N, C-alpha and C. Protein backbone atom coordinates (compact mmCIF):
# COMPACT_ATOMS: atom_id res chain seq x y z
N MET A 1 11.51 0.99 -15.50
CA MET A 1 10.59 0.32 -14.61
C MET A 1 11.29 0.10 -13.28
N ALA A 2 10.67 0.50 -12.23
CA ALA A 2 11.21 0.28 -10.90
C ALA A 2 11.18 -1.22 -10.60
N THR A 3 12.26 -1.74 -10.07
CA THR A 3 12.33 -3.17 -9.78
C THR A 3 11.64 -3.44 -8.45
N PRO A 4 10.61 -4.32 -8.46
CA PRO A 4 9.93 -4.65 -7.21
C PRO A 4 10.88 -5.29 -6.21
N GLU A 5 10.59 -5.11 -4.94
CA GLU A 5 11.42 -5.64 -3.85
C GLU A 5 11.59 -7.15 -3.97
N PHE A 6 10.53 -7.89 -4.33
CA PHE A 6 10.65 -9.34 -4.40
C PHE A 6 11.61 -9.77 -5.50
N ILE A 7 11.72 -9.00 -6.58
CA ILE A 7 12.67 -9.30 -7.65
C ILE A 7 14.10 -9.01 -7.16
N ARG A 8 14.28 -7.91 -6.43
CA ARG A 8 15.61 -7.62 -5.86
C ARG A 8 16.06 -8.73 -4.93
N ASP A 9 15.12 -9.27 -4.15
CA ASP A 9 15.45 -10.39 -3.25
C ASP A 9 15.89 -11.63 -4.05
N ILE A 10 15.18 -11.93 -5.12
CA ILE A 10 15.54 -13.07 -5.97
C ILE A 10 16.92 -12.85 -6.59
N ARG A 11 17.15 -11.65 -7.10
CA ARG A 11 18.42 -11.33 -7.75
C ARG A 11 19.60 -11.44 -6.79
N ALA A 12 19.36 -11.23 -5.50
CA ALA A 12 20.44 -11.32 -4.51
C ALA A 12 21.07 -12.71 -4.51
N THR A 13 20.30 -13.74 -4.81
CA THR A 13 20.84 -15.10 -4.85
C THR A 13 20.94 -15.66 -6.26
N ALA A 14 20.08 -15.22 -7.17
CA ALA A 14 20.06 -15.76 -8.54
C ALA A 14 21.03 -15.04 -9.47
N GLY A 15 21.50 -13.89 -9.06
CA GLY A 15 22.39 -13.14 -9.95
C GLY A 15 21.64 -12.62 -11.15
N HIS A 16 22.31 -12.56 -12.29
CA HIS A 16 21.75 -11.97 -13.51
C HIS A 16 21.02 -12.98 -14.40
N GLN A 17 20.94 -14.25 -13.98
CA GLN A 17 20.37 -15.28 -14.84
C GLN A 17 18.94 -14.95 -15.26
N LEU A 18 18.50 -15.59 -16.32
CA LEU A 18 17.17 -15.38 -16.89
C LEU A 18 16.07 -15.65 -15.87
N LEU A 19 15.16 -14.69 -15.72
CA LEU A 19 13.95 -14.87 -14.90
C LEU A 19 12.74 -14.70 -15.80
N LEU A 20 11.77 -15.61 -15.69
CA LEU A 20 10.47 -15.47 -16.36
C LEU A 20 9.58 -14.70 -15.40
N LEU A 21 9.06 -13.55 -15.85
CA LEU A 21 8.29 -12.68 -14.96
C LEU A 21 6.87 -12.45 -15.48
N PRO A 22 5.91 -12.34 -14.55
CA PRO A 22 4.51 -12.10 -14.93
C PRO A 22 4.26 -10.62 -15.21
N GLY A 23 4.18 -10.26 -16.47
CA GLY A 23 3.90 -8.88 -16.85
C GLY A 23 2.42 -8.68 -17.11
N VAL A 24 1.96 -7.47 -16.83
CA VAL A 24 0.57 -7.09 -17.09
C VAL A 24 0.60 -5.74 -17.78
N SER A 25 -0.21 -5.58 -18.83
CA SER A 25 -0.32 -4.29 -19.50
C SER A 25 -1.79 -3.89 -19.57
N ALA A 26 -2.01 -2.59 -19.79
CA ALA A 26 -3.38 -2.05 -19.77
C ALA A 26 -3.57 -1.07 -20.91
N VAL A 27 -4.64 -1.27 -21.67
CA VAL A 27 -5.08 -0.30 -22.67
C VAL A 27 -6.29 0.39 -22.05
N VAL A 28 -6.12 1.66 -21.68
CA VAL A 28 -7.14 2.40 -20.95
C VAL A 28 -7.82 3.39 -21.88
N PHE A 29 -9.15 3.30 -21.94
CA PHE A 29 -9.95 4.23 -22.73
C PHE A 29 -10.75 5.13 -21.81
N ASP A 30 -11.00 6.36 -22.26
CA ASP A 30 -11.88 7.26 -21.51
C ASP A 30 -13.25 7.31 -22.19
N GLU A 31 -14.13 8.16 -21.68
CA GLU A 31 -15.50 8.27 -22.23
C GLU A 31 -15.51 8.73 -23.68
N GLU A 32 -14.47 9.44 -24.10
CA GLU A 32 -14.40 9.95 -25.48
C GLU A 32 -13.73 8.95 -26.42
N GLY A 33 -13.35 7.79 -25.92
CA GLY A 33 -12.70 6.78 -26.74
C GLY A 33 -11.21 7.02 -26.94
N ARG A 34 -10.64 7.95 -26.18
CA ARG A 34 -9.20 8.20 -26.27
C ARG A 34 -8.45 7.16 -25.46
N VAL A 35 -7.20 6.92 -25.82
CA VAL A 35 -6.37 5.95 -25.13
C VAL A 35 -5.30 6.68 -24.31
N LEU A 36 -5.03 6.16 -23.12
CA LEU A 36 -4.06 6.73 -22.21
C LEU A 36 -2.68 6.15 -22.50
N LEU A 37 -1.71 7.02 -22.70
CA LEU A 37 -0.34 6.60 -22.99
C LEU A 37 0.64 7.32 -22.08
N VAL A 38 1.79 6.68 -21.88
CA VAL A 38 2.88 7.29 -21.12
C VAL A 38 4.11 7.34 -22.02
N ARG A 39 4.93 8.38 -21.82
CA ARG A 39 6.25 8.42 -22.47
C ARG A 39 7.23 7.90 -21.43
N ARG A 40 7.83 6.76 -21.74
CA ARG A 40 8.70 6.06 -20.79
C ARG A 40 9.98 6.83 -20.50
N ALA A 41 10.37 6.88 -19.24
CA ALA A 41 11.59 7.56 -18.84
C ALA A 41 12.83 6.82 -19.34
N ASP A 42 12.77 5.49 -19.42
CA ASP A 42 13.96 4.72 -19.78
C ASP A 42 14.28 4.76 -21.27
N SER A 43 13.26 4.87 -22.13
CA SER A 43 13.50 4.82 -23.58
C SER A 43 13.04 6.06 -24.32
N GLY A 44 12.16 6.85 -23.70
CA GLY A 44 11.57 8.00 -24.37
C GLY A 44 10.43 7.64 -25.30
N ASP A 45 10.08 6.35 -25.37
CA ASP A 45 9.00 5.88 -26.25
C ASP A 45 7.64 6.08 -25.60
N TRP A 46 6.64 6.39 -26.43
CA TRP A 46 5.25 6.36 -25.98
C TRP A 46 4.82 4.91 -25.89
N SER A 47 3.99 4.59 -24.89
CA SER A 47 3.60 3.21 -24.65
C SER A 47 2.30 3.15 -23.85
N ILE A 48 1.64 2.00 -23.92
CA ILE A 48 0.57 1.72 -22.98
C ILE A 48 1.22 1.46 -21.63
N ILE A 49 0.42 1.34 -20.59
CA ILE A 49 0.93 1.18 -19.23
C ILE A 49 1.14 -0.31 -18.94
N GLY A 50 2.20 -0.61 -18.17
CA GLY A 50 2.45 -2.00 -17.82
C GLY A 50 3.34 -2.12 -16.61
N GLY A 51 3.43 -3.34 -16.10
CA GLY A 51 4.28 -3.59 -14.95
C GLY A 51 4.27 -5.06 -14.57
N ILE A 52 4.91 -5.35 -13.46
CA ILE A 52 5.06 -6.72 -12.97
C ILE A 52 4.07 -6.97 -11.84
N ALA A 53 3.41 -8.13 -11.92
CA ALA A 53 2.50 -8.53 -10.84
C ALA A 53 3.29 -8.83 -9.58
N GLU A 54 2.75 -8.43 -8.45
CA GLU A 54 3.34 -8.75 -7.14
C GLU A 54 2.90 -10.16 -6.74
N PRO A 55 3.67 -10.85 -5.90
CA PRO A 55 3.26 -12.18 -5.46
C PRO A 55 1.85 -12.17 -4.86
N GLY A 56 1.01 -13.09 -5.33
CA GLY A 56 -0.35 -13.21 -4.82
C GLY A 56 -1.34 -12.22 -5.40
N GLU A 57 -0.90 -11.32 -6.26
CA GLU A 57 -1.78 -10.28 -6.80
C GLU A 57 -2.48 -10.78 -8.07
N GLU A 58 -3.76 -10.58 -8.13
CA GLU A 58 -4.52 -10.94 -9.33
C GLU A 58 -4.09 -10.04 -10.49
N PRO A 59 -3.97 -10.58 -11.71
CA PRO A 59 -3.53 -9.77 -12.85
C PRO A 59 -4.38 -8.52 -13.11
N ALA A 60 -5.70 -8.61 -12.98
CA ALA A 60 -6.53 -7.42 -13.20
C ALA A 60 -6.22 -6.33 -12.18
N LEU A 61 -5.96 -6.72 -10.95
CA LEU A 61 -5.59 -5.76 -9.92
C LEU A 61 -4.24 -5.12 -10.25
N THR A 62 -3.31 -5.92 -10.78
CA THR A 62 -2.01 -5.38 -11.20
C THR A 62 -2.22 -4.29 -12.25
N ALA A 63 -3.08 -4.54 -13.24
CA ALA A 63 -3.34 -3.55 -14.28
C ALA A 63 -3.87 -2.25 -13.68
N VAL A 64 -4.86 -2.36 -12.82
CA VAL A 64 -5.47 -1.18 -12.19
C VAL A 64 -4.44 -0.44 -11.33
N ARG A 65 -3.65 -1.19 -10.56
CA ARG A 65 -2.62 -0.58 -9.71
C ARG A 65 -1.57 0.13 -10.53
N GLU A 66 -1.07 -0.51 -11.59
CA GLU A 66 -0.02 0.09 -12.42
C GLU A 66 -0.52 1.36 -13.10
N VAL A 67 -1.76 1.36 -13.59
CA VAL A 67 -2.31 2.56 -14.22
C VAL A 67 -2.33 3.71 -13.22
N TYR A 68 -2.80 3.44 -12.02
CA TYR A 68 -2.84 4.51 -11.01
C TYR A 68 -1.44 4.97 -10.62
N GLU A 69 -0.55 4.01 -10.36
CA GLU A 69 0.81 4.37 -9.94
C GLU A 69 1.52 5.23 -10.97
N GLU A 70 1.32 4.93 -12.25
CA GLU A 70 2.05 5.63 -13.29
C GLU A 70 1.37 6.91 -13.77
N THR A 71 0.03 6.99 -13.65
CA THR A 71 -0.70 8.11 -14.28
C THR A 71 -1.67 8.84 -13.38
N ALA A 72 -1.95 8.35 -12.19
CA ALA A 72 -2.96 8.89 -11.27
C ALA A 72 -4.39 8.75 -11.80
N VAL A 73 -4.58 7.94 -12.83
CA VAL A 73 -5.92 7.68 -13.37
C VAL A 73 -6.46 6.41 -12.72
N ARG A 74 -7.68 6.49 -12.25
CA ARG A 74 -8.37 5.31 -11.70
C ARG A 74 -9.11 4.64 -12.85
N CYS A 75 -9.13 3.31 -12.82
CA CYS A 75 -9.80 2.58 -13.90
C CYS A 75 -10.33 1.25 -13.39
N THR A 76 -11.14 0.62 -14.22
CA THR A 76 -11.58 -0.74 -13.97
C THR A 76 -11.14 -1.59 -15.15
N ALA A 77 -10.75 -2.82 -14.86
CA ALA A 77 -10.38 -3.76 -15.91
C ALA A 77 -11.67 -4.38 -16.44
N GLU A 78 -11.85 -4.33 -17.76
CA GLU A 78 -13.08 -4.84 -18.38
C GLU A 78 -12.95 -6.26 -18.90
N ARG A 79 -11.81 -6.55 -19.55
CA ARG A 79 -11.63 -7.89 -20.09
C ARG A 79 -10.17 -8.11 -20.47
N VAL A 80 -9.81 -9.38 -20.62
CA VAL A 80 -8.49 -9.74 -21.10
C VAL A 80 -8.47 -9.52 -22.61
N VAL A 81 -7.45 -8.83 -23.07
CA VAL A 81 -7.28 -8.53 -24.50
C VAL A 81 -6.41 -9.60 -25.14
N LEU A 82 -5.33 -9.96 -24.47
CA LEU A 82 -4.44 -10.99 -25.00
C LEU A 82 -3.56 -11.57 -23.92
N VAL A 83 -3.01 -12.72 -24.21
CA VAL A 83 -2.00 -13.36 -23.38
C VAL A 83 -0.87 -13.71 -24.32
N GLN A 84 0.33 -13.23 -24.01
CA GLN A 84 1.44 -13.45 -24.94
C GLN A 84 2.76 -13.58 -24.19
N GLY A 85 3.48 -14.64 -24.50
CA GLY A 85 4.84 -14.76 -24.03
C GLY A 85 5.73 -13.93 -24.94
N MET A 86 6.58 -13.13 -24.36
CA MET A 86 7.48 -12.30 -25.17
C MET A 86 8.52 -13.22 -25.80
N PRO A 87 8.76 -13.07 -27.09
CA PRO A 87 9.61 -14.03 -27.81
C PRO A 87 11.08 -14.00 -27.43
N LYS A 88 11.59 -12.86 -26.96
CA LYS A 88 13.01 -12.77 -26.66
C LYS A 88 13.23 -12.22 -25.26
N PRO A 89 14.25 -12.73 -24.59
CA PRO A 89 14.62 -12.14 -23.29
C PRO A 89 15.13 -10.71 -23.47
N VAL A 90 15.01 -9.92 -22.43
CA VAL A 90 15.52 -8.56 -22.39
C VAL A 90 16.73 -8.57 -21.46
N THR A 91 17.83 -8.00 -21.92
CA THR A 91 19.00 -7.84 -21.07
C THR A 91 19.11 -6.36 -20.71
N TYR A 92 19.09 -6.08 -19.41
CA TYR A 92 19.15 -4.71 -18.93
C TYR A 92 20.60 -4.25 -18.79
N PRO A 93 20.82 -2.94 -18.73
CA PRO A 93 22.19 -2.42 -18.64
C PRO A 93 23.02 -3.00 -17.48
N ASN A 94 22.35 -3.39 -16.40
CA ASN A 94 23.08 -3.96 -15.25
C ASN A 94 23.39 -5.45 -15.43
N GLY A 95 22.94 -6.04 -16.57
CA GLY A 95 23.21 -7.45 -16.84
C GLY A 95 22.07 -8.39 -16.51
N ASP A 96 21.03 -7.92 -15.81
CA ASP A 96 19.87 -8.76 -15.50
C ASP A 96 19.19 -9.18 -16.80
N VAL A 97 18.76 -10.45 -16.86
CA VAL A 97 18.06 -10.96 -18.03
C VAL A 97 16.67 -11.40 -17.59
N CYS A 98 15.64 -10.90 -18.31
CA CYS A 98 14.24 -11.22 -17.99
C CYS A 98 13.49 -11.55 -19.26
N GLN A 99 12.50 -12.40 -19.13
CA GLN A 99 11.56 -12.66 -20.21
C GLN A 99 10.17 -12.55 -19.57
N TYR A 100 9.27 -11.89 -20.28
CA TYR A 100 7.96 -11.59 -19.70
C TYR A 100 6.84 -12.38 -20.35
N MET A 101 5.86 -12.75 -19.53
CA MET A 101 4.59 -13.30 -19.99
C MET A 101 3.58 -12.19 -19.75
N ASP A 102 3.03 -11.60 -20.82
CA ASP A 102 2.14 -10.46 -20.68
C ASP A 102 0.68 -10.85 -20.76
N ILE A 103 -0.09 -10.38 -19.81
CA ILE A 103 -1.55 -10.45 -19.86
C ILE A 103 -2.01 -9.01 -20.01
N CYS A 104 -2.69 -8.71 -21.11
CA CYS A 104 -3.12 -7.34 -21.38
C CYS A 104 -4.63 -7.22 -21.14
N PHE A 105 -5.01 -6.13 -20.46
CA PHE A 105 -6.41 -5.86 -20.15
C PHE A 105 -6.89 -4.61 -20.86
N ARG A 106 -8.13 -4.65 -21.30
CA ARG A 106 -8.82 -3.44 -21.74
C ARG A 106 -9.41 -2.84 -20.46
N CYS A 107 -9.16 -1.54 -20.25
CA CYS A 107 -9.63 -0.88 -19.04
C CYS A 107 -10.43 0.37 -19.41
N HIS A 108 -11.28 0.78 -18.47
CA HIS A 108 -12.09 1.98 -18.64
C HIS A 108 -11.76 2.95 -17.50
N ALA A 109 -11.40 4.17 -17.86
CA ALA A 109 -11.07 5.18 -16.86
C ALA A 109 -12.32 5.55 -16.07
N THR A 110 -12.16 5.66 -14.74
CA THR A 110 -13.29 6.01 -13.89
C THR A 110 -13.05 7.29 -13.09
N GLY A 111 -11.84 7.84 -13.15
CA GLY A 111 -11.56 9.07 -12.41
C GLY A 111 -10.09 9.39 -12.38
N GLY A 112 -9.78 10.50 -11.75
CA GLY A 112 -8.40 10.94 -11.65
C GLY A 112 -8.02 11.84 -12.81
N GLU A 113 -6.98 12.60 -12.61
CA GLU A 113 -6.46 13.52 -13.62
C GLU A 113 -5.15 12.95 -14.14
N ALA A 114 -5.05 12.68 -15.44
CA ALA A 114 -3.85 12.08 -16.01
C ALA A 114 -2.65 13.00 -15.82
N ARG A 115 -1.61 12.44 -15.19
CA ARG A 115 -0.36 13.19 -14.96
C ARG A 115 0.75 12.19 -14.69
N VAL A 116 1.98 12.64 -14.78
CA VAL A 116 3.11 11.81 -14.39
C VAL A 116 3.00 11.60 -12.89
N ASN A 117 2.97 10.33 -12.47
CA ASN A 117 2.72 10.03 -11.06
C ASN A 117 3.86 9.24 -10.42
N ASP A 118 4.90 8.92 -11.18
CA ASP A 118 6.08 8.24 -10.63
C ASP A 118 7.27 8.54 -11.52
N ASP A 119 8.39 7.87 -11.28
CA ASP A 119 9.59 8.16 -12.05
C ASP A 119 9.75 7.27 -13.28
N GLU A 120 8.74 6.46 -13.60
CA GLU A 120 8.82 5.58 -14.76
C GLU A 120 8.47 6.27 -16.07
N SER A 121 7.82 7.43 -15.99
CA SER A 121 7.45 8.14 -17.22
C SER A 121 7.75 9.62 -17.08
N VAL A 122 7.88 10.27 -18.23
CA VAL A 122 8.18 11.70 -18.25
C VAL A 122 7.02 12.52 -18.81
N GLU A 123 6.03 11.82 -19.36
CA GLU A 123 4.87 12.50 -19.93
C GLU A 123 3.71 11.51 -19.95
N VAL A 124 2.51 12.01 -19.78
CA VAL A 124 1.29 11.21 -19.80
C VAL A 124 0.26 11.96 -20.61
N GLY A 125 -0.54 11.25 -21.41
CA GLY A 125 -1.57 11.95 -22.17
C GLY A 125 -2.63 11.03 -22.72
N TRP A 126 -3.77 11.65 -23.01
CA TRP A 126 -4.88 10.97 -23.68
C TRP A 126 -4.76 11.27 -25.18
N PHE A 127 -4.94 10.25 -26.01
CA PHE A 127 -4.79 10.42 -27.45
C PHE A 127 -5.99 9.82 -28.18
N ALA A 128 -6.50 10.60 -29.16
CA ALA A 128 -7.52 10.08 -30.05
C ALA A 128 -6.89 8.97 -30.90
N LEU A 129 -7.67 7.99 -31.27
CA LEU A 129 -7.14 6.86 -32.02
C LEU A 129 -6.56 7.28 -33.37
N ASP A 130 -7.08 8.37 -33.94
CA ASP A 130 -6.56 8.84 -35.22
C ASP A 130 -5.42 9.84 -35.05
N ALA A 131 -4.92 10.03 -33.83
CA ALA A 131 -3.83 10.97 -33.57
C ALA A 131 -2.81 10.38 -32.58
N LEU A 132 -2.57 9.08 -32.69
CA LEU A 132 -1.63 8.43 -31.79
C LEU A 132 -0.20 8.84 -32.14
N PRO A 133 0.66 8.98 -31.14
CA PRO A 133 2.08 9.21 -31.43
C PRO A 133 2.69 7.93 -31.98
N GLU A 134 3.94 8.00 -32.39
CA GLU A 134 4.64 6.80 -32.85
C GLU A 134 4.71 5.80 -31.71
N LEU A 135 4.29 4.57 -31.99
CA LEU A 135 4.27 3.51 -30.99
C LEU A 135 4.99 2.28 -31.51
N LYS A 136 5.62 1.54 -30.61
CA LYS A 136 6.20 0.26 -30.98
C LYS A 136 5.08 -0.75 -31.19
N GLU A 137 5.40 -1.83 -31.89
CA GLU A 137 4.42 -2.86 -32.22
C GLU A 137 3.72 -3.41 -30.96
N PHE A 138 4.45 -3.55 -29.86
CA PHE A 138 3.89 -4.04 -28.61
C PHE A 138 2.61 -3.27 -28.26
N SER A 139 2.68 -1.94 -28.25
CA SER A 139 1.52 -1.11 -27.88
C SER A 139 0.49 -1.07 -28.99
N ARG A 140 0.93 -0.91 -30.23
CA ARG A 140 -0.03 -0.84 -31.37
C ARG A 140 -0.90 -2.09 -31.42
N PHE A 141 -0.28 -3.26 -31.29
CA PHE A 141 -1.03 -4.51 -31.38
C PHE A 141 -2.03 -4.64 -30.24
N ARG A 142 -1.66 -4.23 -29.05
CA ARG A 142 -2.56 -4.33 -27.90
C ARG A 142 -3.72 -3.35 -28.03
N ILE A 143 -3.47 -2.17 -28.52
CA ILE A 143 -4.57 -1.22 -28.75
C ILE A 143 -5.52 -1.78 -29.80
N GLN A 144 -4.96 -2.31 -30.88
CA GLN A 144 -5.78 -2.91 -31.94
C GLN A 144 -6.66 -4.03 -31.38
N GLN A 145 -6.08 -4.90 -30.57
CA GLN A 145 -6.85 -6.00 -29.99
C GLN A 145 -7.90 -5.50 -28.99
N ALA A 146 -7.59 -4.44 -28.27
CA ALA A 146 -8.54 -3.89 -27.29
C ALA A 146 -9.76 -3.29 -27.98
N LEU A 147 -9.63 -2.92 -29.23
CA LEU A 147 -10.75 -2.34 -29.98
C LEU A 147 -11.69 -3.41 -30.53
N THR A 148 -11.28 -4.67 -30.50
CA THR A 148 -12.14 -5.75 -30.97
C THR A 148 -13.04 -6.19 -29.82
N GLU A 149 -14.03 -6.96 -30.14
CA GLU A 149 -14.94 -7.48 -29.11
C GLU A 149 -14.45 -8.80 -28.53
N GLY A 150 -13.29 -9.25 -28.95
CA GLY A 150 -12.75 -10.49 -28.42
C GLY A 150 -12.99 -11.62 -29.38
N PRO A 151 -12.69 -12.82 -29.04
CA PRO A 151 -12.15 -13.24 -27.75
C PRO A 151 -10.71 -12.78 -27.57
N ALA A 152 -10.16 -13.07 -26.41
CA ALA A 152 -8.77 -12.71 -26.13
C ALA A 152 -7.85 -13.38 -27.14
N TRP A 153 -6.84 -12.64 -27.59
CA TRP A 153 -5.88 -13.16 -28.55
C TRP A 153 -4.79 -13.95 -27.82
N PHE A 154 -4.38 -15.04 -28.43
CA PHE A 154 -3.20 -15.80 -27.99
C PHE A 154 -2.67 -16.54 -29.20
N ARG A 155 -1.38 -16.88 -29.15
CA ARG A 155 -0.78 -17.63 -30.24
C ARG A 155 -1.08 -19.11 -30.00
N PRO A 156 -1.82 -19.74 -30.92
CA PRO A 156 -2.14 -21.16 -30.73
C PRO A 156 -0.88 -22.01 -30.66
N ALA A 157 -0.96 -23.06 -29.87
CA ALA A 157 0.16 -24.00 -29.78
C ALA A 157 0.28 -24.71 -31.12
N ALA A 158 1.50 -24.97 -31.52
CA ALA A 158 1.73 -25.71 -32.77
C ALA A 158 1.22 -27.14 -32.60
N THR A 159 0.61 -27.64 -33.64
CA THR A 159 0.12 -29.02 -33.60
C THR A 159 1.30 -29.94 -33.83
N PRO A 160 1.56 -30.88 -32.92
CA PRO A 160 2.70 -31.78 -33.12
C PRO A 160 2.48 -32.71 -34.30
N GLU A 161 3.58 -33.06 -34.93
CA GLU A 161 3.54 -34.03 -36.04
C GLU A 161 3.16 -35.38 -35.48
N PRO A 162 2.34 -36.15 -36.24
CA PRO A 162 2.00 -37.50 -35.77
C PRO A 162 3.25 -38.38 -35.71
N ALA A 163 3.30 -39.26 -34.74
CA ALA A 163 4.45 -40.16 -34.59
C ALA A 163 4.42 -41.20 -35.68
N GLY A 164 5.61 -41.55 -36.20
CA GLY A 164 5.84 -42.65 -37.12
C GLY A 164 5.10 -42.62 -38.35
């Protein structure tokens, strides 16, 4: 994932310490019900599309922007699929530590030809739901939730024990 300029600016003074970042992911379907996936350049894994929201950017716009930047596919965000804080921080090879809060959107493709459109992926493709490549739980769960009619999934807050 290319590091946004505003994150580089923060890192210049914050160093490698933990940053909580606003992540957005997108499950994009076409007219045939296929899902759009990218093979990530950093890990080689197939995945749904995602990225970091820019300051002041609405999450749905982030989803649409990231899909276009990574795949050249135009889409519209239809609904929120889930909101999830990632349980563990990620430590990158350079020592930066980040933890993401993901808002996932179900999106509908409206145009464009799917192709590798930046350096974040090495392959892009449309896949029938019964012919998906191997996916990590992150992507599988979001695709599963995008196929439901809602409501948006979130982990309920634990109910505190009564005092005394």
